[in-house]
């Protein structure tokens, strides 16, 4: 499963550091965890259940930095079902 361009626009923004952010996009509920710089690094995409947990798909972001701290690799990996 690939993340589409509209979802990537949401994920490429910077949010509150070390927070869990919840949003909706069309028919999907999105919940993502941000790192210390406010970049989303863990995404749950699907539908919220009665307990507020998102059931659907889980993605993790891989960020590689060079020695000066510049990002040299940035991509999202599909990790499977989120239950």
PDB file of N, CA and C in Angstrom:
ATOM      1  N   UNK A   1       0.848  -1.186   0.000  1.00  0.00           N
ATOM      2  CA  UNK A   1       0.000   0.000   0.000  1.00  0.00           C
ATOM      3  C   UNK A   1       0.888   1.243   0.000  1.00  0.00           C
ATOM      4  N   UNK A   2       0.547   2.178  -0.851  1.00  0.00           N
ATOM      5  CA  UNK A   2       1.293   3.424  -0.968  1.00  0.00           C
ATOM      6  C   UNK A   2       0.498   4.570  -0.364  1.00  0.00           C
ATOM      7  N   UNK A   3       1.196   5.536   0.167  1.00  0.00           N
ATOM      8  CA  UNK A   3       0.559   6.749   0.654  1.00  0.00           C
ATOM      9  C   UNK A   3       0.453   7.730  -0.504  1.00  0.00           C
ATOM     10  N   UNK A   4      -0.725   8.278  -0.720  1.00  0.00           N
ATOM     11  CA  UNK A   4      -0.950   9.190  -1.835  1.00  0.00           C
ATOM     12  C   UNK A   4      -0.395  10.576  -1.574  1.00  0.00           C
ATOM     13  N   UNK A   5      -0.346  11.369  -2.624  1.00  0.00           N
ATOM     14  CA  UNK A   5       0.207  12.718  -2.535  1.00  0.00           C
ATOM     15  C   UNK A   5      -0.539  13.611  -1.533  1.00  0.00           C
ATOM     16  N   UNK A   6      -1.888  13.576  -1.460  1.00  0.00           N
ATOM     17  CA  UNK A   6      -2.572  14.425  -0.469  1.00  0.00           C
ATOM     18  C   UNK A   6      -2.208  14.054   0.975  1.00  0.00           C
ATOM     19  N   UNK A   7      -2.046  12.766   1.246  1.00  0.00           N
ATOM     20  CA  UNK A   7      -1.661  12.331   2.599  1.00  0.00           C
ATOM     21  C   UNK A   7      -0.214  12.732   2.876  1.00  0.00           C
ATOM     22  N   UNK A   8       0.643  12.634   1.860  1.00  0.00           N
ATOM     23  CA  UNK A   8       2.041  13.026   2.035  1.00  0.00           C
ATOM     24  C   UNK A   8       2.158  14.525   2.322  1.00  0.00           C
ATOM     25  N   UNK A   9       1.274  15.336   1.751  1.00  0.00           N
ATOM     26  CA  UNK A   9       1.287  16.776   2.052  1.00  0.00           C
ATOM     27  C   UNK A   9       1.029  17.005   3.541  1.00  0.00           C
ATOM     28  N   UNK A  10       0.109  16.236   4.116  1.00  0.00           N
ATOM     29  CA  UNK A  10      -0.186  16.343   5.546  1.00  0.00           C
ATOM     30  C   UNK A  10       1.029  15.899   6.356  1.00  0.00           C
ATOM     31  N   UNK A  11       1.662  14.813   5.934  1.00  0.00           N
ATOM     32  CA  UNK A  11       2.774  14.231   6.689  1.00  0.00           C
ATOM     33  C   UNK A  11       4.081  15.002   6.533  1.00  0.00           C
ATOM     34  N   UNK A  12       4.198  15.830   5.529  1.00  0.00           N
ATOM     35  CA  UNK A  12       5.429  16.597   5.329  1.00  0.00           C
ATOM     36  C   UNK A  12       5.444  17.905   6.116  1.00  0.00           C
ATOM     37  N   UNK A  13       4.349  18.216   6.799  1.00  0.00           N
ATOM     38  CA  UNK A  13       4.302  19.415   7.632  1.00  0.00           C
ATOM     39  C   UNK A  13       4.963  19.128   8.979  1.00  0.00           C
ATOM     40  N   UNK A  14       5.288  20.204   9.700  1.00  0.00           N
ATOM     41  CA  UNK A  14       5.881  20.080  11.025  1.00  0.00           C
ATOM     42  C   UNK A  14       4.800  20.405  12.054  1.00  0.00           C
ATOM     43  N   UNK A  15       4.706  19.553  13.083  1.00  0.00           N
ATOM     44  CA  UNK A  15       3.689  19.687  14.119  1.00  0.00           C
ATOM     45  C   UNK A  15       4.358  19.846  15.484  1.00  0.00           C
ATOM     46  N   UNK A  16       3.562  19.810  16.525  1.00  0.00           N
ATOM     47  CA  UNK A  16       4.077  19.908  17.889  1.00  0.00           C
ATOM     48  C   UNK A  16       5.033  18.740  18.160  1.00  0.00           C
ATOM     49  N   UNK A  17       6.204  18.998  18.732  1.00  0.00           N
ATOM     50  CA  UNK A  17       7.164  17.917  19.008  1.00  0.00           C
ATOM     51  C   UNK A  17       6.630  16.904  20.027  1.00  0.00           C
ATOM     52  N   UNK A  18       7.015  15.650  19.844  1.00  0.00           N
ATOM     53  CA  UNK A  18       6.685  14.551  20.754  1.00  0.00           C
ATOM     54  C   UNK A  18       5.202  14.520  21.114  1.00  0.00           C
ATOM     55  N   UNK A  19       4.346  14.555  20.113  1.00  0.00           N
ATOM     56  CA  UNK A  19       2.902  14.574  20.348  1.00  0.00           C
ATOM     57  C   UNK A  19       2.215  13.535  19.474  1.00  0.00           C
ATOM     58  N   UNK A  20       0.986  13.202  19.836  1.00  0.00           N
ATOM     59  CA  UNK A  20       0.126  12.363  19.006  1.00  0.00           C
ATOM     60  C   UNK A  20      -0.916  13.294  18.401  1.00  0.00           C
ATOM     61  N   UNK A  21      -0.934  13.371  17.080  1.00  0.00           N
ATOM     62  CA  UNK A  21      -1.817  14.289  16.361  1.00  0.00           C
ATOM     63  C   UNK A  21      -2.902  13.469  15.670  1.00  0.00           C
ATOM     64  N   UNK A  22      -4.156  13.902  15.798  1.00  0.00           N
ATOM     65  CA  UNK A  22      -5.267  13.217  15.143  1.00  0.00           C
ATOM     66  C   UNK A  22      -5.932  14.162  14.159  1.00  0.00           C
ATOM     67  N   UNK A  23      -6.210  13.639  12.954  1.00  0.00           N
ATOM     68  CA  UNK A  23      -6.863  14.402  11.900  1.00  0.00           C
ATOM     69  C   UNK A  23      -7.761  13.465  11.116  1.00  0.00           C
ATOM     70  N   UNK A  24      -8.592  14.044  10.264  1.00  0.00           N
ATOM     71  CA  UNK A  24      -9.342  13.234   9.309  1.00  0.00           C
ATOM     72  C   UNK A  24      -9.005  13.734   7.913  1.00  0.00           C
ATOM     73  N   UNK A  25      -8.996  12.807   6.980  1.00  0.00           N
ATOM     74  CA  UNK A  25      -8.809  13.135   5.575  1.00  0.00           C
ATOM     75  C   UNK A  25      -9.775  12.266   4.785  1.00  0.00           C
ATOM     76  N   UNK A  26     -10.724  12.914   4.132  1.00  0.00           N
ATOM     77  CA  UNK A  26     -11.798  12.233   3.402  1.00  0.00           C
ATOM     78  C   UNK A  26     -12.434  11.185   4.299  1.00  0.00           C
ATOM     79  N   UNK A  27     -12.344   9.908   3.957  1.00  0.00           N
ATOM     80  CA  UNK A  27     -13.005   8.882   4.770  1.00  0.00           C
ATOM     81  C   UNK A  27     -12.083   8.263   5.810  1.00  0.00           C
ATOM     82  N   UNK A  28     -10.849   8.730   5.897  1.00  0.00           N
ATOM     83  CA  UNK A  28      -9.868   8.140   6.811  1.00  0.00           C
ATOM     84  C   UNK A  28      -9.688   8.969   8.083  1.00  0.00           C
ATOM     85  N   UNK A  29      -9.514   8.286   9.187  1.00  0.00           N
ATOM     86  CA  UNK A  29      -9.046   8.920  10.410  1.00  0.00           C
ATOM     87  C   UNK A  29      -7.544   8.698  10.452  1.00  0.00           C
ATOM     88  N   UNK A  30      -6.791   9.746  10.727  1.00  0.00           N
ATOM     89  CA  UNK A  30      -5.334   9.668  10.796  1.00  0.00           C
ATOM     90  C   UNK A  30      -4.897   9.978  12.216  1.00  0.00           C
ATOM     91  N   UNK A  31      -3.950   9.208  12.713  1.00  0.00           N
ATOM     92  CA  UNK A  31      -3.312   9.498  13.992  1.00  0.00           C
ATOM     93  C   UNK A  31      -1.825   9.277  13.781  1.00  0.00           C
ATOM     94  N   UNK A  32      -1.012  10.286  14.110  1.00  0.00           N
ATOM     95  CA  UNK A  32       0.425  10.107  13.935  1.00  0.00           C
ATOM     96  C   UNK A  32       1.196  10.667  15.102  1.00  0.00           C
ATOM     97  N   UNK A  33       2.300  10.002  15.399  1.00  0.00           N
ATOM     98  CA  UNK A  33       3.218  10.375  16.471  1.00  0.00           C
ATOM     99  C   UNK A  33       4.330  11.188  15.841  1.00  0.00           C
ATOM    100  N   UNK A  34       4.721  12.282  16.511  1.00  0.00           N
ATOM    101  CA  UNK A  34       5.800  13.121  15.994  1.00  0.00           C
ATOM    102  C   UNK A  34       7.073  12.904  16.807  1.00  0.00           C
ATOM    103  N   UNK A  35       8.208  13.208  16.182  1.00  0.00           N
ATOM    104  CA  UNK A  35       9.494  13.092  16.865  1.00  0.00           C
ATOM    105  C   UNK A  35       9.811  14.389  17.605  1.00  0.00           C
ATOM    106  N   UNK A  36      11.048  14.504  18.102  1.00  0.00           N
ATOM    107  CA  UNK A  36      11.434  15.682  18.880  1.00  0.00           C
ATOM    108  C   UNK A  36      11.495  16.955  18.053  1.00  0.00           C
ATOM    109  N   UNK A  37      11.498  16.826  16.730  1.00  0.00           N
ATOM    110  CA  UNK A  37      11.500  18.002  15.856  1.00  0.00           C
ATOM    111  C   UNK A  37      10.119  18.299  15.272  1.00  0.00           C
ATOM    112  N   UNK A  38       9.126  17.498  15.633  1.00  0.00           N
ATOM    113  CA  UNK A  38       7.765  17.730  15.164  1.00  0.00           C
ATOM    114  C   UNK A  38       7.423  17.073  13.845  1.00  0.00           C
ATOM    115  N   UNK A  39       8.294  16.201  13.343  1.00  0.00           N
ATOM    116  CA  UNK A  39       8.020  15.493  12.086  1.00  0.00           C
ATOM    117  C   UNK A  39       7.252  14.211  12.390  1.00  0.00           C
ATOM    118  N   UNK A  40       6.172  13.917  11.651  1.00  0.00           N
ATOM    119  CA  UNK A  40       5.474  12.641  11.857  1.00  0.00           C
ATOM    120  C   UNK A  40       6.398  11.467  11.562  1.00  0.00           C
ATOM    121  N   UNK A  41       6.413  10.454  12.460  1.00  0.00           N
ATOM    122  CA  UNK A  41       7.276   9.285  12.268  1.00  0.00           C
ATOM    123  C   UNK A  41       6.512   7.971  12.350  1.00  0.00           C
ATOM    124  N   UNK A  42       5.293   7.979  12.888  1.00  0.00           N
ATOM    125  CA  UNK A  42       4.480   6.779  12.996  1.00  0.00           C
ATOM    126  C   UNK A  42       3.055   7.163  12.648  1.00  0.00           C
ATOM    127  N   UNK A  43       2.444   6.465  11.681  1.00  0.00           N
ATOM    128  CA  UNK A  43       1.114   6.824  11.188  1.00  0.00           C
ATOM    129  C   UNK A  43       0.169   5.647  11.314  1.00  0.00           C
ATOM    130  N   UNK A  44      -1.016   5.914  11.842  1.00  0.00           N
ATOM    131  CA  UNK A  44      -2.121   4.959  11.840  1.00  0.00           C
ATOM    132  C   UNK A  44      -3.209   5.566  10.968  1.00  0.00           C
ATOM    133  N   UNK A  45      -3.671   4.809   9.963  1.00  0.00           N
ATOM    134  CA  UNK A  45      -4.646   5.321   9.005  1.00  0.00           C
ATOM    135  C   UNK A  45      -5.769   4.314   8.851  1.00  0.00           C
ATOM    136  N   UNK A  46      -7.000   4.737   9.090  1.00  0.00           N
ATOM    137  CA  UNK A  46      -8.149   3.855   8.968  1.00  0.00           C
ATOM    138  C   UNK A  46      -9.373   4.511   9.565  1.00  0.00           C
ATOM    139  N   UNK A  47     -10.113   3.744  10.366  1.00  0.00           N
ATOM    140  CA  UNK A  47     -11.317   4.246  11.030  1.00  0.00           C
ATOM    141  C   UNK A  47     -11.165   4.093  12.530  1.00  0.00           C
ATOM    142  N   UNK A  48     -11.608   5.111  13.268  1.00  0.00           N
ATOM    143  CA  UNK A  48     -11.575   5.053  14.730  1.00  0.00           C
ATOM    144  C   UNK A  48     -12.642   4.098  15.239  1.00  0.00           C
ATOM    145  N   UNK A  49     -12.305   3.327  16.276  1.00  0.00           N
ATOM    146  CA  UNK A  49     -13.297   2.473  16.914  1.00  0.00           C
ATOM    147  C   UNK A  49     -13.913   3.213  18.103  1.00  0.00           C
ATOM    148  N   UNK A  50     -14.747   2.543  18.870  1.00  0.00           N
ATOM    149  CA  UNK A  50     -15.442   3.166  19.997  1.00  0.00           C
ATOM    150  C   UNK A  50     -14.480   3.655  21.079  1.00  0.00           C
ATOM    151  N   UNK A  51     -13.305   3.033  21.186  1.00  0.00           N
ATOM    152  CA  UNK A  51     -12.312   3.419  22.190  1.00  0.00           C
ATOM    153  C   UNK A  51     -11.401   4.551  21.731  1.00  0.00           C
ATOM    154  N   UNK A  52     -11.551   4.990  20.488  1.00  0.00           N
ATOM    155  CA  UNK A  52     -10.712   6.063  19.966  1.00  0.00           C
ATOM    156  C   UNK A  52      -9.448   5.578  19.290  1.00  0.00           C
ATOM    157  N   UNK A  53      -9.277   4.250  19.171  1.00  0.00           N
ATOM    158  CA  UNK A  53      -8.105   3.700  18.483  1.00  0.00           C
ATOM    159  C   UNK A  53      -8.392   3.600  16.992  1.00  0.00           C
ATOM    160  N   UNK A  54      -7.372   3.872  16.178  1.00  0.00           N
ATOM    161  CA  UNK A  54      -7.533   3.800  14.729  1.00  0.00           C
ATOM    162  C   UNK A  54      -7.225   2.374  14.278  1.00  0.00           C
ATOM    163  N   UNK A  55      -8.203   1.755  13.621  1.00  0.00           N
ATOM    164  CA  UNK A  55      -8.016   0.417  13.064  1.00  0.00           C
ATOM    165  C   UNK A  55      -7.880   0.550  11.555  1.00  0.00           C
ATOM    166  N   UNK A  56      -6.840  -0.026  11.011  1.00  0.00           N
ATOM    167  CA  UNK A  56      -6.584   0.078   9.580  1.00  0.00           C
ATOM    168  C   UNK A  56      -5.159  -0.314   9.276  1.00  0.00           C
ATOM    169  N   UNK A  57      -4.372   0.630   8.787  1.00  0.00           N
ATOM    170  CA  UNK A  57      -2.994   0.368   8.375  1.00  0.00           C
ATOM    171  C   UNK A  57      -2.027   1.177   9.222  1.00  0.00           C
ATOM    172  N   UNK A  58      -0.803   0.626   9.365  1.00  0.00           N
ATOM    173  CA  UNK A  58       0.245   1.278  10.150  1.00  0.00           C
ATOM    174  C   UNK A  58       1.451   1.512   9.254  1.00  0.00           C
ATOM    175  N   UNK A  59       2.038   2.698   9.363  1.00  0.00           N
ATOM    176  CA  UNK A  59       3.215   3.073   8.586  1.00  0.00           C
ATOM    177  C   UNK A  59       4.262   3.664   9.525  1.00  0.00           C
ATOM    178  N   UNK A  60       5.529   3.459   9.192  1.00  0.00           N
ATOM    179  CA  UNK A  60       6.635   4.042   9.956  1.00  0.00           C
ATOM    180  C   UNK A  60       7.541   4.797   8.988  1.00  0.00           C
ATOM    181  N   UNK A  61       8.058   5.911   9.450  1.00  0.00           N
ATOM    182  CA  UNK A  61       8.928   6.744   8.623  1.00  0.00           C
ATOM    183  C   UNK A  61      10.378   6.435   8.932  1.00  0.00           C
ATOM    184  N   UNK A  62      11.173   6.292   7.879  1.00  0.00           N
ATOM    185  CA  UNK A  62      12.612   6.090   8.010  1.00  0.00           C
ATOM    186  C   UNK A  62      13.311   7.368   7.596  1.00  0.00           C
ATOM    187  N   UNK A  63      14.085   7.921   8.512  1.00  0.00           N
ATOM    188  CA  UNK A  63      14.866   9.124   8.233  1.00  0.00           C
ATOM    189  C   UNK A  63      16.342   8.798   8.432  1.00  0.00           C
ATOM    190  N   UNK A  64      17.158   9.071   7.419  1.00  0.00           N
ATOM    191  CA  UNK A  64      18.607   8.914   7.542  1.00  0.00           C
ATOM    192  C   UNK A  64      19.236  10.281   7.396  1.00  0.00           C
ATOM    193  N   UNK A  65      20.201  10.554   8.283  1.00  0.00           N
ATOM    194  CA  UNK A  65      20.895  11.838   8.272  1.00  0.00           C
ATOM    195  C   UNK A  65      22.375  11.615   7.970  1.00  0.00           C
ATOM    196  N   UNK A  66      23.004  12.616   7.345  1.00  0.00           N
ATOM    197  CA  UNK A  66      24.446  12.551   7.164  1.00  0.00           C
ATOM    198  C   UNK A  66      25.118  13.116   8.414  1.00  0.00           C
ATOM    199  N   UNK A  67      26.433  13.227   8.398  1.00  0.00           N
ATOM    200  CA  UNK A  67      27.164  13.665   9.585  1.00  0.00           C
ATOM    201  C   UNK A  67      26.862  15.105   9.974  1.00  0.00           C
ATOM    202  N   UNK A  68      26.426  15.920   9.014  1.00  0.00           N
ATOM    203  CA  UNK A  68      26.109  17.316   9.327  1.00  0.00           C
ATOM    204  C   UNK A  68      24.663  17.491   9.782  1.00  0.00           C
ATOM    205  N   UNK A  69      23.877  16.393   9.792  1.00  0.00           N
ATOM    206  CA  UNK A  69      22.501  16.463  10.253  1.00  0.00           C
ATOM    207  C   UNK A  69      21.472  16.654   9.155  1.00  0.00           C
ATOM    208  N   UNK A  70      21.914  16.721   7.903  1.00  0.00           N
ATOM    209  CA  UNK A  70      20.993  16.875   6.781  1.00  0.00           C
ATOM    210  C   UNK A  70      20.309  15.534   6.497  1.00  0.00           C
ATOM    211  N   UNK A  71      19.026  15.584   6.149  1.00  0.00           N
ATOM    212  CA  UNK A  71      18.292  14.369   5.803  1.00  0.00           C
ATOM    213  C   UNK A  71      18.714  13.916   4.416  1.00  0.00           C
ATOM    214  N   UNK A  72      19.214  12.667   4.325  1.00  0.00           N
ATOM    215  CA  UNK A  72      19.623  12.139   3.024  1.00  0.00           C
ATOM    216  C   UNK A  72      18.648  11.079   2.514  1.00  0.00           C
ATOM    217  N   UNK A  73      17.833  10.515   3.408  1.00  0.00           N
ATOM    218  CA  UNK A  73      16.842   9.533   2.996  1.00  0.00           C
ATOM    219  C   UNK A  73      15.610   9.706   3.865  1.00  0.00           C
ATOM    220  N   UNK A  74      14.441   9.738   3.228  1.00  0.00           N
ATOM    221  CA  UNK A  74      13.182   9.956   3.935  1.00  0.00           C
ATOM    222  C   UNK A  74      12.098   9.185   3.194  1.00  0.00           C
ATOM    223  N   UNK A  75      11.621   8.088   3.791  1.00  0.00           N
ATOM    224  CA  UNK A  75      10.535   7.355   3.155  1.00  0.00           C
ATOM    225  C   UNK A  75       9.666   6.658   4.196  1.00  0.00           C
ATOM    226  N   UNK A  76       8.440   6.311   3.787  1.00  0.00           N
ATOM    227  CA  UNK A  76       7.472   5.658   4.641  1.00  0.00           C
ATOM    228  C   UNK A  76       7.382   4.178   4.287  1.00  0.00           C
ATOM    229  N   UNK A  77       7.370   3.309   5.310  1.00  0.00           N
ATOM    230  CA  UNK A  77       7.246   1.867   5.123  1.00  0.00           C
ATOM    231  C   UNK A  77       5.903   1.391   5.655  1.00  0.00           C
ATOM    232  N   UNK A  78       5.228   0.559   4.882  1.00  0.00           N
ATOM    233  CA  UNK A  78       3.977  -0.039   5.342  1.00  0.00           C
ATOM    234  C   UNK A  78       4.323  -1.174   6.294  1.00  0.00           C
ATOM    235  N   UNK A  79       3.818  -1.110   7.510  1.00  0.00           N
ATOM    236  CA  UNK A  79       4.159  -2.094   8.541  1.00  0.00           C
ATOM    237  C   UNK A  79       3.054  -3.114   8.780  1.00  0.00           C
ATOM    238  N   UNK A  80       1.923  -2.987   8.092  1.00  0.00           N
ATOM    239  CA  UNK A  80       0.849  -3.956   8.232  1.00  0.00           C
ATOM    240  C   UNK A  80      -0.398  -3.365   8.875  1.00  0.00           C
ATOM    241  N   UNK A  81      -1.198  -4.259   9.418  1.00  0.00           N
ATOM    242  CA  UNK A  81      -2.479  -3.869  10.017  1.00  0.00           C
ATOM    243  C   UNK A  81      -2.283  -3.205  11.366  1.00  0.00           C
ATOM    244  N   UNK A  82      -3.114  -2.205  11.632  1.00  0.00           N
ATOM    245  CA  UNK A  82      -3.165  -1.553  12.941  1.00  0.00           C
ATOM    246  C   UNK A  82      -4.455  -2.001  13.603  1.00  0.00           C
ATOM    247  N   UNK A  83      -4.322  -2.632  14.770  1.00  0.00           N
ATOM    248  CA  UNK A  83      -5.525  -3.146  15.443  1.00  0.00           C
ATOM    249  C   UNK A  83      -5.728  -2.488  16.778  1.00  0.00           C
TER     250      UNK A  83
END
